[in-house]
Amino acid sequence: MNAYTQLLRHIKETAEADHYITTILSRLPEDFDWEKGNIFPIFNVSILSAEFTSTSTIKFPVTLTCVDKRDINNEDVNDKFWSNDNEADNHNATLSALSSIWIKLNRDYGKNNITASSNPSLSQIEFEGMNLMDGWSLSFDVEMPMEGISLCSDQC
């Protein structure tokens, strides 16, 4: 059974095709900001659990996170709504990247007998971590066949 590896590989390849993303990781959500060699924007894949939904399928809760570093301008604030940073730009660009990746993944899942939750949830990330990152996390479930494994003994 290599469903986990297949899922990670497919998500990674889809993210690599996105022109906005520079660094792709698979870390715990709280750990991906600690890599010193990261080049922003960062895309992170987290799959922290699984559930056997039948003897032939498995479900993974997936969280995709895309963040970029906040750039703060030290000049006087002329517009209190927009402030002197790139927060809105970061949220817009990271949301666009996640949207594009989600659409491509969801389209490909249908071709491979994989189902994904139809209404993924998004959570905004603002001024997080030691690098002061902004972005979004997209969470959804994927259910896929477990090929190459038999859960039955000879008596099934």
Protein backbone atom coordinates (compact mmCIF):
# COMPACT_ATOMS: atom_id res chain seq x y z
CA MET A 1 0.00 0.00 0.00
CA ASN A 2 1.49 3.30 -1.02
CA ALA A 3 -1.57 5.57 -0.96
CA TYR A 4 0.13 8.04 1.40
CA THR A 5 3.21 8.36 -0.82
CA GLN A 6 1.10 8.63 -3.98
CA LEU A 7 -0.96 11.43 -2.44
CA LEU A 8 2.11 13.35 -1.27
CA ARG A 9 3.80 12.93 -4.66
CA HIS A 10 0.73 14.15 -6.54
CA ILE A 11 0.31 17.23 -4.32
CA LYS A 12 4.04 18.04 -4.55
CA GLU A 13 4.08 17.76 -8.37
CA THR A 14 1.01 19.97 -8.64
CA ALA A 15 2.57 22.61 -6.37
CA GLU A 16 5.86 22.48 -8.30
CA ALA A 17 3.97 23.50 -11.45
CA ASP A 18 2.73 26.69 -9.79
CA HIS A 19 4.84 29.69 -10.85
CA TYR A 20 4.33 31.58 -7.55
CA ILE A 21 5.61 28.96 -5.10
CA THR A 22 9.35 28.76 -4.42
CA THR A 23 9.78 26.29 -1.54
CA ILE A 24 7.71 23.12 -1.02
CA LEU A 25 7.77 21.29 2.32
CA SER A 26 6.01 18.50 4.15
CA ARG A 27 6.27 19.44 7.82
CA LEU A 28 4.11 19.84 10.88
CA PRO A 29 2.26 23.15 10.55
CA GLU A 30 4.16 24.68 13.46
CA ASP A 31 7.58 23.52 12.19
CA PHE A 32 7.94 24.65 8.59
CA ASP A 33 9.04 28.19 9.47
CA TRP A 34 12.17 26.96 11.28
CA GLU A 35 14.10 25.94 8.15
CA LYS A 36 16.85 28.52 7.64
CA GLY A 37 17.19 27.90 3.91
CA ASN A 38 13.56 28.53 3.06
CA ILE A 39 12.92 30.92 0.20
CA PHE A 40 9.50 32.55 0.25
CA PRO A 41 6.74 31.96 -0.74
CA ILE A 42 6.43 28.59 1.00
CA PHE A 43 3.94 25.80 0.32
CA ASN A 44 3.54 23.15 3.02
CA VAL A 45 1.65 19.82 2.96
CA SER A 46 0.47 18.31 6.26
CA ILE A 47 -1.21 14.92 6.54
CA LEU A 48 -1.29 14.09 10.23
CA SER A 49 -3.70 11.17 10.43
CA ALA A 50 -5.65 8.61 8.41
CA GLU A 51 -8.80 6.55 8.68
CA PHE A 52 -9.70 3.23 7.08
CA THR A 53 -13.16 3.90 5.64
CA SER A 54 -13.59 0.34 4.37
CA THR A 55 -11.44 -2.68 3.66
CA SER A 56 -10.39 -1.11 0.37
CA THR A 57 -10.26 2.68 0.99
CA ILE A 58 -8.44 5.11 3.25
CA LYS A 59 -9.21 8.73 4.12
CA PHE A 60 -6.58 11.38 4.80
CA PRO A 61 -7.23 14.83 6.25
CA VAL A 62 -4.96 17.14 4.23
CA THR A 63 -3.88 20.69 5.04
CA LEU A 64 -2.14 22.76 2.38
CA THR A 65 -0.57 26.00 3.54
CA CYS A 66 0.83 28.79 1.40
CA VAL A 67 2.56 31.75 3.06
CA ASP A 68 4.78 34.66 2.13
CA LYS A 69 6.94 36.91 4.26
CA ARG A 70 5.52 40.24 5.45
CA ASP A 71 7.47 43.21 4.13
CA ILE A 72 7.09 46.18 6.46
CA ASN A 73 7.89 49.67 5.20
CA ASN A 74 9.17 52.04 7.90
CA GLU A 75 7.92 55.19 6.21
CA ASP A 76 5.11 57.24 7.73
CA VAL A 77 1.69 55.64 7.35
CA ASN A 78 -0.26 57.57 4.72
CA ASP A 79 -3.19 55.19 4.42
CA LYS A 80 -4.39 53.59 7.64
CA PHE A 81 -6.53 51.07 5.75
CA TRP A 82 -3.65 49.56 3.74
CA SER A 83 -0.88 50.41 6.20
CA ASN A 84 2.76 50.21 5.08
CA ASP A 85 3.17 46.53 4.35
CA ASN A 86 2.29 43.84 1.84
CA GLU A 87 -0.27 41.96 3.95
CA ALA A 88 -3.13 42.27 1.44
CA ASP A 89 -0.80 41.32 -1.43
CA ASN A 90 0.40 38.24 0.48
CA HIS A 91 -3.13 37.12 1.26
CA ASN A 92 -4.25 37.67 -2.32
CA ALA A 93 -1.29 35.85 -3.92
CA THR A 94 -1.29 32.89 -1.52
CA LEU A 95 -5.06 32.47 -1.86
CA SER A 96 -4.70 32.50 -5.64
CA ALA A 97 -1.96 29.84 -5.52
CA LEU A 98 -3.99 27.58 -3.20
CA SER A 99 -7.09 28.03 -5.34
CA SER A 100 -5.22 27.04 -8.48
CA ILE A 101 -3.64 24.00 -6.82
CA TRP A 102 -6.99 22.90 -5.30
CA ILE A 103 -8.74 23.11 -8.68
CA LYS A 104 -6.02 21.06 -10.39
CA LEU A 105 -5.90 18.47 -7.59
CA ASN A 106 -9.67 18.11 -7.48
CA ARG A 107 -9.87 17.69 -11.26
CA ASP A 108 -7.15 15.01 -11.19
CA TYR A 109 -8.71 13.13 -8.27
CA GLY A 110 -11.80 12.35 -10.35
CA LYS A 111 -9.62 10.74 -13.01
CA ASN A 112 -7.96 8.46 -10.45
CA ASN A 113 -10.93 7.11 -8.45
CA ILE A 114 -10.14 9.51 -5.58
CA THR A 115 -12.74 11.66 -3.87
CA ALA A 116 -12.10 14.91 -2.04
CA SER A 117 -14.41 16.90 0.18
CA SER A 118 -16.39 19.28 -2.00
CA ASN A 119 -16.18 22.30 0.31
CA PRO A 120 -12.66 22.71 1.65
CA SER A 121 -12.20 25.23 4.44
CA LEU A 122 -9.72 28.08 4.41
CA SER A 123 -8.05 29.69 7.43
CA GLN A 124 -6.21 32.98 7.20
CA ILE A 125 -2.66 33.18 8.55
CA GLU A 126 -1.53 36.61 9.61
CA PHE A 127 1.84 37.77 10.94
CA GLU A 128 2.80 34.21 12.02
CA GLY A 129 6.10 32.66 12.99
CA MET A 130 9.55 34.10 13.32
CA ASN A 131 9.44 35.29 9.69
CA LEU A 132 6.12 37.17 10.14
CA MET A 133 4.27 35.25 7.46
CA ASP A 134 0.87 35.91 5.89
CA GLY A 135 -1.17 33.46 3.86
CA TRP A 136 -3.83 30.77 3.97
CA SER A 137 -4.32 27.14 4.96
CA LEU A 138 -6.70 24.96 2.95
CA SER A 139 -8.09 21.86 4.69
CA PHE A 140 -9.94 18.97 3.05
CA ASP A 141 -10.33 15.20 3.19
CA VAL A 142 -9.23 12.79 0.49
CA GLU A 143 -10.54 9.25 0.21
CA MET A 144 -8.67 6.88 -2.05
CA PRO A 145 -8.32 3.19 -2.84
CA MET A 146 -5.73 1.09 -1.01
CA GLU A 147 -4.15 -0.82 -3.85
CA GLY A 148 -1.72 -3.64 -3.32
CA ILE A 149 -2.90 -4.64 0.15
CA SER A 150 -5.27 -7.34 1.28
CA LEU A 151 -6.84 -7.11 4.70
CA CYS A 152 -8.31 -10.60 4.38
CA SER A 153 -6.67 -13.83 5.43
CA ASP A 154 -6.95 -16.93 3.27
CA GLN A 155 -10.41 -17.58 4.73
CA CYS A 156 -12.04 -14.38 3.33
